[in-house]
PDB file of N, CA and C in Angstrom:
ATOM      1  N   MET A   1     205.408 218.751 127.680  1.00  0.00           N
ATOM      2  CA  MET A   1     204.511 219.826 127.983  1.00  0.00           C
ATOM      3  C   MET A   1     203.788 220.266 126.710  1.00  0.00           C
ATOM      4  N   LEU A   2     202.518 220.619 126.904  1.00  0.00           N
ATOM      5  CA  LEU A   2     201.708 221.112 125.803  1.00  0.00           C
ATOM      6  C   LEU A   2     201.676 222.629 125.814  1.00  0.00           C
ATOM      7  N   ARG A   3     201.695 223.200 124.616  1.00  0.00           N
ATOM      8  CA  ARG A   3     201.475 224.637 124.525  1.00  0.00           C
ATOM      9  C   ARG A   3     200.044 224.916 124.978  1.00  0.00           C
ATOM     10  N   GLU A   4     199.814 226.102 125.513  1.00  0.00           N
ATOM     11  CA  GLU A   4     198.479 226.459 125.989  1.00  0.00           C
ATOM     12  C   GLU A   4     197.450 226.404 124.857  1.00  0.00           C
ATOM     13  N   SER A   5     197.830 226.851 123.669  1.00  0.00           N
ATOM     14  CA  SER A   5     196.899 226.836 122.539  1.00  0.00           C
ATOM     15  C   SER A   5     196.516 225.407 122.155  1.00  0.00           C
ATOM     16  N   LYS A   6     197.461 224.491 122.250  1.00  0.00           N
ATOM     17  CA  LYS A   6     197.182 223.083 121.937  1.00  0.00           C
ATOM     18  C   LYS A   6     196.247 222.495 123.000  1.00  0.00           C
ATOM     19  N   LEU A   7     196.457 222.835 124.248  1.00  0.00           N
ATOM     20  CA  LEU A   7     195.587 222.373 125.324  1.00  0.00           C
ATOM     21  C   LEU A   7     194.176 222.920 125.147  1.00  0.00           C
ATOM     22  N   ASP A   8     194.062 224.205 124.801  1.00  0.00           N
ATOM     23  CA  ASP A   8     192.746 224.815 124.554  1.00  0.00           C
ATOM     24  C   ASP A   8     192.032 224.103 123.407  1.00  0.00           C
ATOM     25  N   LEU A   9     192.776 223.779 122.356  1.00  0.00           N
ATOM     26  CA  LEU A   9     192.207 223.059 121.219  1.00  0.00           C
ATOM     27  C   LEU A   9     191.688 221.697 121.660  1.00  0.00           C
ATOM     28  N   LEU A  10     192.491 220.953 122.383  1.00  0.00           N
ATOM     29  CA  LEU A  10     192.083 219.620 122.828  1.00  0.00           C
ATOM     30  C   LEU A  10     190.873 219.676 123.759  1.00  0.00           C
ATOM     31  N   GLU A  11     190.836 220.666 124.633  1.00  0.00           N
ATOM     32  CA  GLU A  11     189.680 220.817 125.532  1.00  0.00           C
ATOM     33  C   GLU A  11     188.406 221.139 124.744  1.00  0.00           C
ATOM     34  N   ALA A  12     188.510 222.026 123.755  1.00  0.00           N
ATOM     35  CA  ALA A  12     187.338 222.371 122.936  1.00  0.00           C
ATOM     36  C   ALA A  12     186.871 221.165 122.127  1.00  0.00           C
ATOM     37  N   LEU A  13     187.810 220.429 121.547  1.00  0.00           N
ATOM     38  CA  LEU A  13     187.442 219.238 120.777  1.00  0.00           C
ATOM     39  C   LEU A  13     186.765 218.201 121.664  1.00  0.00           C
ATOM     40  N   ALA A  14     187.276 218.016 122.865  1.00  0.00           N
ATOM     41  CA  ALA A  14     186.676 217.054 123.796  1.00  0.00           C
ATOM     42  C   ALA A  14     185.277 217.504 124.211  1.00  0.00           C
ATOM     43  N   LYS A  15     185.136 218.776 124.534  1.00  0.00           N
ATOM     44  CA  LYS A  15     183.831 219.307 124.970  1.00  0.00           C
ATOM     45  C   LYS A  15     182.789 219.141 123.882  1.00  0.00           C
ATOM     46  N   TRP A  16     183.095 219.583 122.671  1.00  0.00           N
ATOM     47  CA  TRP A  16     182.106 219.547 121.601  1.00  0.00           C
ATOM     48  C   TRP A  16     181.949 218.156 121.015  1.00  0.00           C
ATOM     49  N   GLY A  17     182.981 217.338 121.107  1.00  0.00           N
ATOM     50  CA  GLY A  17     182.841 215.938 120.709  1.00  0.00           C
ATOM     51  C   GLY A  17     181.875 215.211 121.633  1.00  0.00           C
ATOM     52  N   GLU A  18     181.991 215.477 122.914  1.00  0.00           N
ATOM     53  CA  GLU A  18     181.074 214.899 123.902  1.00  0.00           C
ATOM     54  C   GLU A  18     179.649 215.408 123.680  1.00  0.00           C
ATOM     55  N   ALA A  19     179.517 216.694 123.387  1.00  0.00           N
ATOM     56  CA  ALA A  19     178.190 217.270 123.127  1.00  0.00           C
ATOM     57  C   ALA A  19     177.564 216.624 121.891  1.00  0.00           C
ATOM     58  N   HIS A  20     178.367 216.374 120.879  1.00  0.00           N
ATOM     59  CA  HIS A  20     177.885 215.728 119.650  1.00  0.00           C
ATOM     60  C   HIS A  20     177.351 214.340 119.957  1.00  0.00           C
ATOM     61  N   VAL A  21     178.107 213.565 120.705  1.00  0.00           N
ATOM     62  CA  VAL A  21     177.691 212.201 121.062  1.00  0.00           C
ATOM     63  C   VAL A  21     176.418 212.236 121.894  1.00  0.00           C
ATOM     64  N   LYS A  22     176.352 213.147 122.852  1.00  0.00           N
ATOM     65  CA  LYS A  22     175.176 213.242 123.724  1.00  0.00           C
ATOM     66  C   LYS A  22     173.921 213.577 122.922  1.00  0.00           C
ATOM     67  N   LEU A  23     174.006 214.590 122.079  1.00  0.00           N
ATOM     68  CA  LEU A  23     172.846 214.995 121.300  1.00  0.00           C
ATOM     69  C   LEU A  23     172.442 213.908 120.308  1.00  0.00           C
ATOM     70  N   SER A  24     173.401 213.284 119.698  1.00  0.00           N
ATOM     71  CA  SER A  24     173.117 212.198 118.766  1.00  0.00           C
ATOM     72  C   SER A  24     172.389 211.057 119.468  1.00  0.00           C
ATOM     73  N   THR A  25     172.839 210.715 120.639  1.00  0.00           N
ATOM     74  CA  THR A  25     172.204 209.667 121.434  1.00  0.00           C
ATOM     75  C   THR A  25     170.785 210.066 121.838  1.00  0.00           C
ATOM     76  N   LEU A  26     170.599 211.302 122.287  1.00  0.00           N
ATOM     77  CA  LEU A  26     169.264 211.779 122.665  1.00  0.00           C
ATOM     78  C   LEU A  26     168.296 211.711 121.489  1.00  0.00           C
ATOM     79  N   LEU A  27     168.757 212.106 120.322  1.00  0.00           N
ATOM     80  CA  LEU A  27     167.888 212.085 119.139  1.00  0.00           C
ATOM     81  C   LEU A  27     167.525 210.660 118.726  1.00  0.00           C
ATOM     82  N   ARG A  28     168.459 209.745 118.881  1.00  0.00           N
ATOM     83  CA  ARG A  28     168.177 208.337 118.544  1.00  0.00           C
ATOM     84  C   ARG A  28     167.187 207.714 119.513  1.00  0.00           C
ATOM     85  N   ARG A  29     167.272 208.079 120.781  1.00  0.00           N
ATOM     86  CA  ARG A  29     166.467 207.427 121.820  1.00  0.00           C
ATOM     87  C   ARG A  29     165.096 208.036 122.029  1.00  0.00           C
ATOM     88  N   SER A  30     164.882 209.260 121.588  1.00  0.00           N
ATOM     89  CA  SER A  30     163.590 209.895 121.841  1.00  0.00           C
ATOM     90  C   SER A  30     162.867 210.164 120.523  1.00  0.00           C
ATOM     91  N   THR A  31     161.551 210.222 120.641  1.00  0.00           N
ATOM     92  CA  THR A  31     160.747 210.498 119.452  1.00  0.00           C
ATOM     93  C   THR A  31     160.117 211.888 119.507  1.00  0.00           C
ATOM     94  N   GLY A  32     159.971 212.428 120.672  1.00  0.00           N
ATOM     95  CA  GLY A  32     159.339 213.742 120.827  1.00  0.00           C
ATOM     96  C   GLY A  32     160.365 214.844 120.916  1.00  0.00           C
ATOM     97  N   ALA A  33     159.879 216.014 121.331  1.00  0.00           N
ATOM     98  CA  ALA A  33     160.752 217.168 121.519  1.00  0.00           C
ATOM     99  C   ALA A  33     161.676 216.917 122.710  1.00  0.00           C
ATOM    100  N   LEU A  34     162.869 217.436 122.620  1.00  0.00           N
ATOM    101  CA  LEU A  34     163.828 217.290 123.706  1.00  0.00           C
ATOM    102  C   LEU A  34     163.649 218.426 124.701  1.00  0.00           C
ATOM    103  N   THR A  35     163.592 218.076 125.971  1.00  0.00           N
ATOM    104  CA  THR A  35     163.399 219.069 127.023  1.00  0.00           C
ATOM    105  C   THR A  35     164.732 219.699 127.419  1.00  0.00           C
ATOM    106  N   ALA A  36     164.644 220.837 128.082  1.00  0.00           N
ATOM    107  CA  ALA A  36     165.846 221.501 128.585  1.00  0.00           C
ATOM    108  C   ALA A  36     166.590 220.590 129.555  1.00  0.00           C
ATOM    109  N   THR A  37     165.844 219.834 130.346  1.00  0.00           N
ATOM    110  CA  THR A  37     166.470 218.912 131.294  1.00  0.00           C
ATOM    111  C   THR A  37     167.259 217.840 130.572  1.00  0.00           C
ATOM    112  N   ALA A  38     166.668 217.273 129.539  1.00  0.00           N
ATOM    113  CA  ALA A  38     167.360 216.229 128.777  1.00  0.00           C
ATOM    114  C   ALA A  38     168.596 216.793 128.073  1.00  0.00           C
ATOM    115  N   LEU A  39     168.487 218.006 127.565  1.00  0.00           N
ATOM    116  CA  LEU A  39     169.594 218.609 126.833  1.00  0.00           C
ATOM    117  C   LEU A  39     170.728 219.081 127.742  1.00  0.00           C
ATOM    118  N   GLY A  40     170.395 219.385 129.000  1.00  0.00           N
ATOM    119  CA  GLY A  40     171.427 219.827 129.936  1.00  0.00           C
ATOM    120  C   GLY A  40     172.117 221.088 129.460  1.00  0.00           C
ATOM    121  N   GLU A  41     173.447 221.048 129.364  1.00  0.00           N
ATOM    122  CA  GLU A  41     174.188 222.245 128.955  1.00  0.00           C
ATOM    123  C   GLU A  41     173.916 222.634 127.501  1.00  0.00           C
ATOM    124  N   LEU A  42     173.254 221.758 126.764  1.00  0.00           N
ATOM    125  CA  LEU A  42     172.848 222.071 125.395  1.00  0.00           C
ATOM    126  C   LEU A  42     171.409 222.595 125.338  1.00  0.00           C
ATOM    127  N   ALA A  43     170.862 223.000 126.468  1.00  0.00           N
ATOM    128  CA  ALA A  43     169.472 223.463 126.538  1.00  0.00           C
ATOM    129  C   ALA A  43     169.211 224.645 125.615  1.00  0.00           C
ATOM    130  N   TRP A  44     170.228 225.373 125.248  1.00  0.00           N
ATOM    131  CA  TRP A  44     170.040 226.490 124.315  1.00  0.00           C
ATOM    132  C   TRP A  44     169.552 226.003 122.942  1.00  0.00           C
ATOM    133  N   LEU A  45     169.632 224.708 122.678  1.00  0.00           N
ATOM    134  CA  LEU A  45     169.161 224.132 121.413  1.00  0.00           C
ATOM    135  C   LEU A  45     167.666 223.819 121.418  1.00  0.00           C
ATOM    136  N   ARG A  46     166.974 224.029 122.528  1.00  0.00           N
ATOM    137  CA  ARG A  46     165.577 223.606 122.654  1.00  0.00           C
ATOM    138  C   ARG A  46     164.630 224.335 121.707  1.00  0.00           C
ATOM    139  N   SER A  47     165.043 225.428 121.122  1.00  0.00           N
ATOM    140  CA  SER A  47     164.214 226.170 120.171  1.00  0.00           C
ATOM    141  C   SER A  47     164.120 225.471 118.812  1.00  0.00           C
ATOM    142  N   PHE A  48     165.001 224.523 118.573  1.00  0.00           N
ATOM    143  CA  PHE A  48     165.058 223.877 117.271  1.00  0.00           C
ATOM    144  C   PHE A  48     164.230 222.603 117.217  1.00  0.00           C
ATOM    145  N   ASP A  49     163.697 222.309 116.035  1.00  0.00           N
ATOM    146  CA  ASP A  49     162.993 221.043 115.842  1.00  0.00           C
ATOM    147  C   ASP A  49     164.021 219.948 115.516  1.00  0.00           C
ATOM    148  N   ARG A  50     163.542 218.734 115.363  1.00  0.00           N
ATOM    149  CA  ARG A  50     164.439 217.592 115.134  1.00  0.00           C
ATOM    150  C   ARG A  50     165.276 217.746 113.866  1.00  0.00           C
ATOM    151  N   ASP A  51     164.672 218.242 112.792  1.00  0.00           N
ATOM    152  CA  ASP A  51     165.425 218.421 111.548  1.00  0.00           C
ATOM    153  C   ASP A  51     166.570 219.413 111.739  1.00  0.00           C
ATOM    154  N   ASP A  52     166.284 220.494 112.456  1.00  0.00           N
ATOM    155  CA  ASP A  52     167.328 221.480 112.736  1.00  0.00           C
ATOM    156  C   ASP A  52     168.432 220.882 113.609  1.00  0.00           C
ATOM    157  N   LEU A  53     168.041 220.072 114.583  1.00  0.00           N
ATOM    158  CA  LEU A  53     169.041 219.445 115.448  1.00  0.00           C
ATOM    159  C   LEU A  53     169.924 218.478 114.668  1.00  0.00           C
ATOM    160  N   GLU A  54     169.343 217.772 113.711  1.00  0.00           N
ATOM    161  CA  GLU A  54     170.137 216.882 112.849  1.00  0.00           C
ATOM    162  C   GLU A  54     171.117 217.703 112.010  1.00  0.00           C
ATOM    163  N   GLU A  55     170.641 218.832 111.508  1.00  0.00           N
ATOM    164  CA  GLU A  55     171.510 219.724 110.736  1.00  0.00           C
ATOM    165  C   GLU A  55     172.628 220.273 111.614  1.00  0.00           C
ATOM    166  N   PHE A  56     172.284 220.639 112.854  1.00  0.00           N
ATOM    167  CA  PHE A  56     173.298 221.104 113.794  1.00  0.00           C
ATOM    168  C   PHE A  56     174.361 220.030 114.006  1.00  0.00           C
ATOM    169  N   LEU A  57     173.939 218.786 114.184  1.00  0.00           N
ATOM    170  CA  LEU A  57     174.897 217.697 114.381  1.00  0.00           C
ATOM    171  C   LEU A  57     175.856 217.578 113.205  1.00  0.00           C
ATOM    172  N   CYS A  58     175.324 217.673 111.997  1.00  0.00           N
ATOM    173  CA  CYS A  58     176.182 217.584 110.803  1.00  0.00           C
ATOM    174  C   CYS A  58     177.189 218.730 110.760  1.00  0.00           C
ATOM    175  N   GLU A  59     176.694 219.941 111.005  1.00  0.00           N
ATOM    176  CA  GLU A  59     177.590 221.094 110.983  1.00  0.00           C
ATOM    177  C   GLU A  59     178.608 221.040 112.113  1.00  0.00           C
ATOM    178  N   LEU A  60     178.176 220.576 113.276  1.00  0.00           N
ATOM    179  CA  LEU A  60     179.092 220.453 114.404  1.00  0.00           C
ATOM    180  C   LEU A  60     180.183 219.439 114.093  1.00  0.00           C
ATOM    181  N   GLN A  61     179.810 218.320 113.521  1.00  0.00           N
ATOM    182  CA  GLN A  61     180.803 217.304 113.168  1.00  0.00           C
ATOM    183  C   GLN A  61     181.818 217.864 112.166  1.00  0.00           C
ATOM    184  N   ASP A  62     181.334 218.553 111.148  1.00  0.00           N
ATOM    185  CA  ASP A  62     182.239 219.160 110.169  1.00  0.00           C
ATOM    186  C   ASP A  62     183.172 220.170 110.835  1.00  0.00           C
ATOM    187  N   ALA A  63     182.625 220.975 111.749  1.00  0.00           N
ATOM    188  CA  ALA A  63     183.422 221.987 112.429  1.00  0.00           C
ATOM    189  C   ALA A  63     184.472 221.349 113.341  1.00  0.00           C
ATOM    190  N   ILE A  64     184.113 220.262 114.002  1.00  0.00           N
ATOM    191  CA  ILE A  64     185.075 219.561 114.863  1.00  0.00           C
ATOM    192  C   ILE A  64     186.222 219.006 114.020  1.00  0.00           C
ATOM    193  N   ILE A  65     185.881 218.389 112.892  1.00  0.00           N
ATOM    194  CA  ILE A  65     186.905 217.827 112.006  1.00  0.00           C
ATOM    195  C   ILE A  65     187.806 218.938 111.465  1.00  0.00           C
ATOM    196  N   ALA A  66     187.204 220.042 111.035  1.00  0.00           N
ATOM    197  CA  ALA A  66     187.989 221.162 110.507  1.00  0.00           C
ATOM    198  C   ALA A  66     188.888 221.759 111.585  1.00  0.00           C
ATOM    199  N   ALA A  67     188.357 221.912 112.790  1.00  0.00           N
ATOM    200  CA  ALA A  67     189.151 222.471 113.889  1.00  0.00           C
ATOM    201  C   ALA A  67     190.350 221.578 114.206  1.00  0.00           C
ATOM    202  N   ARG A  68     190.130 220.298 114.177  1.00  0.00           N
ATOM    203  CA  ARG A  68     191.234 219.346 114.432  1.00  0.00           C
ATOM    204  C   ARG A  68     192.272 219.429 113.321  1.00  0.00           C
ATOM    205  N   ALA A  69     191.793 219.453 112.075  1.00  0.00           N
ATOM    206  CA  ALA A  69     192.709 219.509 110.936  1.00  0.00           C
ATOM    207  C   ALA A  69     193.509 220.813 110.912  1.00  0.00           C
ATOM    208  N   ASP A  70     192.827 221.930 111.228  1.00  0.00           N
ATOM    209  CA  ASP A  70     193.469 223.249 111.212  1.00  0.00           C
ATOM    210  C   ASP A  70     194.273 223.520 112.483  1.00  0.00           C
ATOM    211  N   GLU A  71     194.040 222.700 113.501  1.00  0.00           N
ATOM    212  CA  GLU A  71     194.609 222.932 114.827  1.00  0.00           C
ATOM    213  C   GLU A  71     194.260 224.338 115.321  1.00  0.00           C
ATOM    214  N   ASP A  72     192.980 224.691 115.088  1.00  0.00           N
ATOM    215  CA  ASP A  72     192.476 226.011 115.450  1.00  0.00           C
ATOM    216  C   ASP A  72     190.970 225.894 115.665  1.00  0.00           C
ATOM    217  N   THR A  73     190.470 226.475 116.726  1.00  0.00           N
ATOM    218  CA  THR A  73     189.040 226.359 117.037  1.00  0.00           C
ATOM    219  C   THR A  73     188.184 227.423 116.368  1.00  0.00           C
ATOM    220  N   ALA A  74     188.755 228.256 115.518  1.00  0.00           N
ATOM    221  CA  ALA A  74     187.996 229.372 114.928  1.00  0.00           C
ATOM    222  C   ALA A  74     186.743 228.887 114.214  1.00  0.00           C
ATOM    223  N   VAL A  75     186.857 227.870 113.390  1.00  0.00           N
ATOM    224  CA  VAL A  75     185.694 227.385 112.641  1.00  0.00           C
ATOM    225  C   VAL A  75     184.655 226.772 113.587  1.00  0.00           C
ATOM    226  N   LEU A  76     185.098 226.119 114.624  1.00  0.00           N
ATOM    227  CA  LEU A  76     184.204 225.540 115.618  1.00  0.00           C
ATOM    228  C   LEU A  76     183.504 226.640 116.414  1.00  0.00           C
ATOM    229  N   ASP A  77     184.259 227.632 116.835  1.00  0.00           N
ATOM    230  CA  ASP A  77     183.681 228.762 117.565  1.00  0.00           C
ATOM    231  C   ASP A  77     182.640 229.493 116.717  1.00  0.00           C
ATOM    232  N   GLU A  78     182.946 229.671 115.444  1.00  0.00           N
ATOM    233  CA  GLU A  78     182.021 230.350 114.524  1.00  0.00           C
ATOM    234  C   GLU A  78     180.729 229.553 114.350  1.00  0.00           C
ATOM    235  N   CYS A  79     180.848 228.248 114.233  1.00  0.00           N
ATOM    236  CA  CYS A  79     179.679 227.375 114.091  1.00  0.00           C
ATOM    237  C   CYS A  79     178.773 227.483 115.318  1.00  0.00           C
ATOM    238  N   ILE A  80     179.344 227.359 116.483  1.00  0.00           N
ATOM    239  CA  ILE A  80     178.572 227.413 117.725  1.00  0.00           C
ATOM    240  C   ILE A  80     177.938 228.791 117.900  1.00  0.00           C
ATOM    241  N   GLN A  81     178.698 229.840 117.618  1.00  0.00           N
ATOM    242  CA  GLN A  81     178.181 231.197 117.767  1.00  0.00           C
ATOM    243  C   GLN A  81     176.988 231.428 116.835  1.00  0.00           C
ATOM    244  N   ALA A  82     177.071 230.949 115.603  1.00  0.00           N
ATOM    245  CA  ALA A  82     175.975 231.134 114.647  1.00  0.00           C
ATOM    246  C   ALA A  82     174.721 230.390 115.097  1.00  0.00           C
ATOM    247  N   TRP A  83     174.873 229.162 115.561  1.00  0.00           N
ATOM    248  CA  TRP A  83     173.719 228.386 116.018  1.00  0.00           C
ATOM    249  C   TRP A  83     173.121 228.985 117.282  1.00  0.00           C
ATOM    250  N   ARG A  84     173.954 229.494 118.190  1.00  0.00           N
ATOM    251  CA  ARG A  84     173.434 230.138 119.407  1.00  0.00           C
ATOM    252  C   ARG A  84     172.644 231.399 119.059  1.00  0.00           C
ATOM    253  N   ALA A  85     173.148 232.190 118.118  1.00  0.00           N
ATOM    254  CA  ALA A  85     172.451 233.406 117.704  1.00  0.00           C
ATOM    255  C   ALA A  85     171.090 233.057 117.103  1.00  0.00           C
ATOM    256  N   THR A  86     171.049 232.027 116.283  1.00  0.00           N
ATOM    257  CA  THR A  86     169.782 231.600 115.690  1.00  0.00           C
ATOM    258  C   THR A  86     168.830 231.096 116.769  1.00  0.00           C
ATOM    259  N   ALA A  87     169.348 230.362 117.727  1.00  0.00           N
ATOM    260  CA  ALA A  87     168.509 229.855 118.821  1.00  0.00           C
ATOM    261  C   ALA A  87     167.894 231.016 119.610  1.00  0.00           C
ATOM    262  N   ARG A  88     168.674 232.063 119.837  1.00  0.00           N
ATOM    263  CA  ARG A  88     168.146 233.234 120.555  1.00  0.00           C
ATOM    264  C   ARG A  88     167.017 233.890 119.768  1.00  0.00           C
ATOM    265  N   GLN A  89     167.171 233.968 118.464  1.00  0.00           N
ATOM    266  CA  GLN A  89     166.122 234.564 117.633  1.00  0.00           C
ATOM    267  C   GLN A  89     164.861 233.712 117.657  1.00  0.00           C
ATOM    268  N   LEU A  90     165.008 232.406 117.582  1.00  0.00           N
ATOM    269  CA  LEU A  90     163.852 231.514 117.576  1.00  0.00           C
ATOM    270  C   LEU A  90     163.163 231.431 118.937  1.00  0.00           C
ATOM    271  N   ALA A  91     163.860 231.772 119.989  1.00  0.00           N
ATOM    272  CA  ALA A  91     163.264 231.735 121.329  1.00  0.00           C
ATOM    273  C   ALA A  91     162.235 232.849 121.512  1.00  0.00           C
ATOM    274  N   ASP A  92     162.356 233.924 120.754  1.00  0.00           N
ATOM    275  CA  ASP A  92     161.401 235.027 120.822  1.00  0.00           C
ATOM    276  C   ASP A  92     160.220 234.704 119.906  1.00  0.00           C
ATOM    277  N   PRO A  93     158.991 234.654 120.436  1.00  0.00           N
ATOM    278  CA  PRO A  93     157.832 234.267 119.620  1.00  0.00           C
ATOM    279  C   PRO A  93     157.609 235.135 118.384  1.00  0.00           C
ATOM    280  N   LEU A  94     157.790 236.439 118.509  1.00  0.00           N
ATOM    281  CA  LEU A  94     157.585 237.319 117.357  1.00  0.00           C
ATOM    282  C   LEU A  94     158.628 237.059 116.275  1.00  0.00           C
ATOM    283  N   ARG A  95     159.867 236.989 116.689  1.00  0.00           N
ATOM    284  CA  ARG A  95     160.933 236.720 115.714  1.00  0.00           C
ATOM    285  C   ARG A  95     160.773 235.347 115.083  1.00  0.00           C
ATOM    286  N   ARG A  96     160.352 234.383 115.892  1.00  0.00           N
ATOM    287  CA  ARG A  96     160.128 233.030 115.369  1.00  0.00           C
ATOM    288  C   ARG A  96     159.049 233.044 114.288  1.00  0.00           C
ATOM    289  N   SER A  97     157.962 233.784 114.537  1.00  0.00           N
ATOM    290  CA  SER A  97     156.880 233.834 113.554  1.00  0.00           C
ATOM    291  C   SER A  97     157.340 234.492 112.258  1.00  0.00           C
ATOM    292  N   VAL A  98     158.202 235.491 112.365  1.00  0.00           N
ATOM    293  CA  VAL A  98     158.724 236.150 111.169  1.00  0.00           C
ATOM    294  C   VAL A  98     159.670 235.211 110.420  1.00  0.00           C
ATOM    295  N   LEU A  99     160.538 234.546 111.156  1.00  0.00           N
ATOM    296  CA  LEU A  99     161.528 233.668 110.520  1.00  0.00           C
ATOM    297  C   LEU A  99     160.915 232.404 109.933  1.00  0.00           C
ATOM    298  N   LEU A 100     159.938 231.832 110.633  1.00  0.00           N
ATOM    299  CA  LEU A 100     159.407 230.536 110.217  1.00  0.00           C
ATOM    300  C   LEU A 100     157.989 230.589 109.680  1.00  0.00           C
ATOM    301  N   GLY A 101     157.349 231.752 109.771  1.00  0.00           N
ATOM    302  CA  GLY A 101     155.963 231.876 109.336  1.00  0.00           C
ATOM    303  C   GLY A 101     155.830 231.805 107.826  1.00  0.00           C
ATOM    304  N   PRO A 102     154.590 231.693 107.373  1.00  0.00           N
ATOM    305  CA  PRO A 102     154.360 231.645 105.926  1.00  0.00           C
ATOM    306  C   PRO A 102     154.687 232.999 105.291  1.00  0.00           C
ATOM    307  N   HIS A 103     155.305 232.921 104.160  1.00  0.00           N
ATOM    308  CA  HIS A 103     155.654 234.134 103.432  1.00  0.00           C
ATOM    309  C   HIS A 103     154.946 234.096 102.085  1.00  0.00           C
ATOM    310  N   LEU A 104     154.379 235.201 101.716  1.00  0.00           N
ATOM    311  CA  LEU A 104     153.698 235.290 100.435  1.00  0.00           C
ATOM    312  C   LEU A 104     154.723 235.575  99.349  1.00  0.00           C
ATOM    313  N   SER A 105     154.618 234.853  98.252  1.00  0.00           N
ATOM    314  CA  SER A 105     155.602 234.996  97.182  1.00  0.00           C
ATOM    315  C   SER A 105     155.648 236.408  96.615  1.00  0.00           C
ATOM    316  N   GLU A 106     154.521 237.151  96.671  1.00  0.00           N
ATOM    317  CA  GLU A 106     154.536 238.508  96.129  1.00  0.00           C
ATOM    318  C   GLU A 106     155.291 239.480  97.038  1.00  0.00           C
ATOM    319  N   ASP A 107     155.645 239.036  98.255  1.00  0.00           N
ATOM    320  CA  ASP A 107     156.437 239.880  99.136  1.00  0.00           C
ATOM    321  C   ASP A 107     157.878 240.006  98.651  1.00  0.00           C
ATOM    322  N   PHE A 108     158.274 239.113  97.780  1.00  0.00           N
ATOM    323  CA  PHE A 108     159.653 239.077  97.321  1.00  0.00           C
ATOM    324  C   PHE A 108     159.693 239.326  95.820  1.00  0.00           C
ATOM    325  N   VAL A 109     160.668 240.077  95.393  1.00  0.00           N
ATOM    326  CA  VAL A 109     160.842 240.336  93.971  1.00  0.00           C
ATOM    327  C   VAL A 109     162.262 239.966  93.582  1.00  0.00           C
ATOM    328  N   GLU A 110     162.425 239.621  92.335  1.00  0.00           N
ATOM    329  CA  GLU A 110     163.748 239.273  91.827  1.00  0.00           C
ATOM    330  C   GLU A 110     164.604 240.535  91.795  1.00  0.00           C
ATOM    331  N   ALA A 111     165.774 240.454  92.331  1.00  0.00           N
ATOM    332  CA  ALA A 111     166.688 241.587  92.332  1.00  0.00           C
ATOM    333  C   ALA A 111     167.601 241.487  91.117  1.00  0.00           C
ATOM    334  N   GLY A 112     167.740 242.579  90.422  1.00  0.00           N
ATOM    335  CA  GLY A 112     168.621 242.609  89.270  1.00  0.00           C
ATOM    336  C   GLY A 112     170.041 242.922  89.683  1.00  0.00           C
ATOM    337  N   LYS A 113     170.957 242.665  88.771  1.00  0.00           N
ATOM    338  CA  LYS A 113     172.354 242.969  89.025  1.00  0.00           C
ATOM    339  C   LYS A 113     172.548 244.480  88.968  1.00  0.00           C
ATOM    340  N   PRO A 114     173.182 245.090  89.975  1.00  0.00           N
ATOM    341  CA  PRO A 114     173.367 246.539  89.963  1.00  0.00           C
ATOM    342  C   PRO A 114     174.340 246.950  88.859  1.00  0.00           C
ATOM    343  N   SER A 115     174.104 248.106  88.309  1.00  0.00           N
ATOM    344  CA  SER A 115     175.025 248.623  87.294  1.00  0.00           C
ATOM    345  C   SER A 115     176.178 249.322  88.012  1.00  0.00           C
ATOM    346  N   ASP A 116     177.188 249.636  87.278  1.00  0.00           N
ATOM    347  CA  ASP A 116     178.378 250.280  87.864  1.00  0.00           C
ATOM    348  C   ASP A 116     178.074 251.629  88.489  1.00  0.00           C
ATOM    349  N   GLY A 117     177.069 252.341  87.960  1.00  0.00           N
ATOM    350  CA  GLY A 117     176.721 253.661  88.462  1.00  0.00           C
ATOM    351  C   GLY A 117     175.878 253.635  89.725  1.00  0.00           C
ATOM    352  N   GLU A 118     175.384 252.477  90.137  1.00  0.00           N
ATOM    353  CA  GLU A 118     174.490 252.415  91.308  1.00  0.00           C
ATOM    354  C   GLU A 118     175.237 252.118  92.564  1.00  0.00           C
TER     355      GLU A 118
END
C-alpha cells in the first residue's frame, strides 16, 4: 500500500510529466502560435510566445525533477502557480502592454543602498 502523500506525488509527477511531453511535441511540430484547442488543458499557456513556452518547459522539467528528488510537490506547485499568475496578467491587454511594452530608460533610476537610518 502507498501512503496518500506518495500517491499524490506520483499523480502530480505523471500529470505534469505528460503535460511536458505534450507541449514539447506541440512546439516541435508547429511553427505558428498554438491555439487553445491544440493546447487542451494547457490552454492557459496561450498568452505566451514560443520563447516563453520553451522557458516554461525548462522550468517545468526542473520542477518535476526537484519534486521527485524531494518527494514533495511544493516546488512543482509553486512553478505552476507562478506561470499561471503570469498568464493571467498577460491575458489582459492593458497589463500586457505595461509588462511587455517599450520602456524608456529615463523612467528608471539606479537605486542606492539604503542607510541604516532609512
